[in-house]
Amino acid sequence: MSKRTEITMETEQVLTIRWRHSTRGWCQECGREVEMVGLAEAEGITGMTQPVLQAGAQMQKWHFSEDQDGSPLICLASLLRSR
């Protein structure tokens, strides 16, 4: 008779991001105020290139909006949920 020991480990990850280039903004899809980041910041968070981020936005369901100057912003909450 052999004895078997099974060990189960549960982990939880907490990621705190404080970017100088993030901004608070209203996300229509979330229905609340969230941190928004530009494509360059999202690239740093995900490791994906900006064209891949833009192309994958619909598939990944990232929430996009525009800054006052028309540059794209991504809802950080939706970006982190997709990871």
Protein backbone atom coordinates (compact mmCIF):
# COMPACT_ATOMS: atom_id res chain seq x y z
CA MET A 1 0.00 0.00 0.00
CA SER A 2 1.43 3.38 -0.97
CA LYS A 3 0.61 6.65 0.71
CA ARG A 4 -0.16 9.67 -1.44
CA THR A 5 0.01 13.28 -0.26
CA GLU A 6 -1.65 15.95 -2.33
CA ILE A 7 -0.89 19.61 -1.74
CA THR A 8 -3.08 22.33 -3.20
CA MET A 9 -1.87 25.91 -3.20
CA GLU A 10 -4.10 28.87 -3.92
CA THR A 11 -2.54 32.19 -4.75
CA GLU A 12 -3.96 35.61 -5.23
CA GLN A 13 -2.21 38.35 -7.12
CA VAL A 14 -2.55 42.01 -6.30
CA LEU A 15 -1.24 44.47 -8.85
CA THR A 16 -0.98 48.11 -7.91
CA ILE A 17 -0.23 50.48 -10.74
CA ARG A 18 0.55 54.13 -10.27
CA TRP A 19 1.38 55.74 -13.60
CA ARG A 20 2.20 59.38 -13.97
CA HIS A 21 0.46 59.23 -17.31
CA SER A 22 -2.80 57.69 -16.13
CA THR A 23 -5.86 59.81 -15.76
CA ARG A 24 -9.24 59.42 -14.11
CA GLY A 25 -12.05 59.32 -16.59
CA TRP A 26 -15.58 58.07 -17.11
CA CYS A 27 -15.85 54.63 -18.71
CA GLN A 28 -19.20 54.25 -20.50
CA GLU A 29 -19.03 50.44 -20.46
CA CYS A 30 -18.13 50.17 -16.74
CA GLY A 31 -20.55 52.97 -15.84
CA ARG A 32 -18.12 54.53 -13.39
CA GLU A 33 -14.99 56.63 -13.05
CA VAL A 34 -11.83 54.58 -13.63
CA GLU A 35 -8.12 54.98 -14.31
CA MET A 36 -7.48 55.38 -18.03
CA VAL A 37 -4.13 54.80 -19.70
CA GLY A 38 -2.80 55.63 -23.15
CA LEU A 39 -1.54 53.05 -25.61
CA ALA A 40 2.08 53.52 -24.52
CA GLU A 41 1.21 52.79 -20.90
CA ALA A 42 -0.97 49.82 -21.88
CA GLU A 43 1.97 48.51 -23.92
CA GLY A 44 4.14 48.64 -20.80
CA ILE A 45 1.54 46.84 -18.69
CA THR A 46 0.74 44.06 -21.15
CA GLY A 47 3.96 43.72 -23.13
CA MET A 48 1.92 43.93 -26.34
CA THR A 49 2.76 46.41 -29.08
CA GLN A 50 0.42 49.31 -29.74
CA PRO A 51 -0.86 47.90 -33.08
CA VAL A 52 -1.63 44.57 -31.37
CA LEU A 53 -3.43 46.43 -28.57
CA GLN A 54 -5.56 48.33 -31.06
CA ALA A 55 -6.32 45.25 -33.17
CA GLY A 56 -7.15 43.09 -30.16
CA ALA A 57 -9.38 45.63 -28.46
CA GLN A 58 -12.66 44.23 -29.77
CA MET A 59 -11.66 40.62 -29.19
CA GLN A 60 -10.40 41.29 -25.65
CA LYS A 61 -13.30 43.64 -24.89
CA TRP A 62 -11.12 46.46 -23.65
CA HIS A 63 -13.01 49.65 -23.08
CA PHE A 64 -11.73 52.52 -25.22
CA SER A 65 -12.39 56.22 -25.00
CA GLU A 66 -10.65 59.36 -26.24
CA ASP A 67 -8.65 62.00 -24.44
CA GLN A 68 -9.44 65.68 -24.97
CA ASP A 69 -6.86 65.79 -27.76
CA GLY A 70 -8.42 62.74 -29.48
CA SER A 71 -5.75 60.23 -28.46
CA PRO A 72 -7.04 56.78 -27.48
CA LEU A 73 -7.38 55.80 -23.83
CA ILE A 74 -7.98 52.33 -22.46
CA CYS A 75 -9.96 51.62 -19.29
CA LEU A 76 -7.40 50.10 -16.93
CA ALA A 77 -10.02 47.99 -15.15
CA SER A 78 -11.08 46.27 -18.40
CA LEU A 79 -7.46 45.82 -19.46
CA LEU A 80 -6.51 44.12 -16.20
CA ARG A 81 -9.62 41.90 -16.21
CA SER A 82 -8.59 40.49 -19.58
CA ARG A 83 -5.14 39.41 -18.35
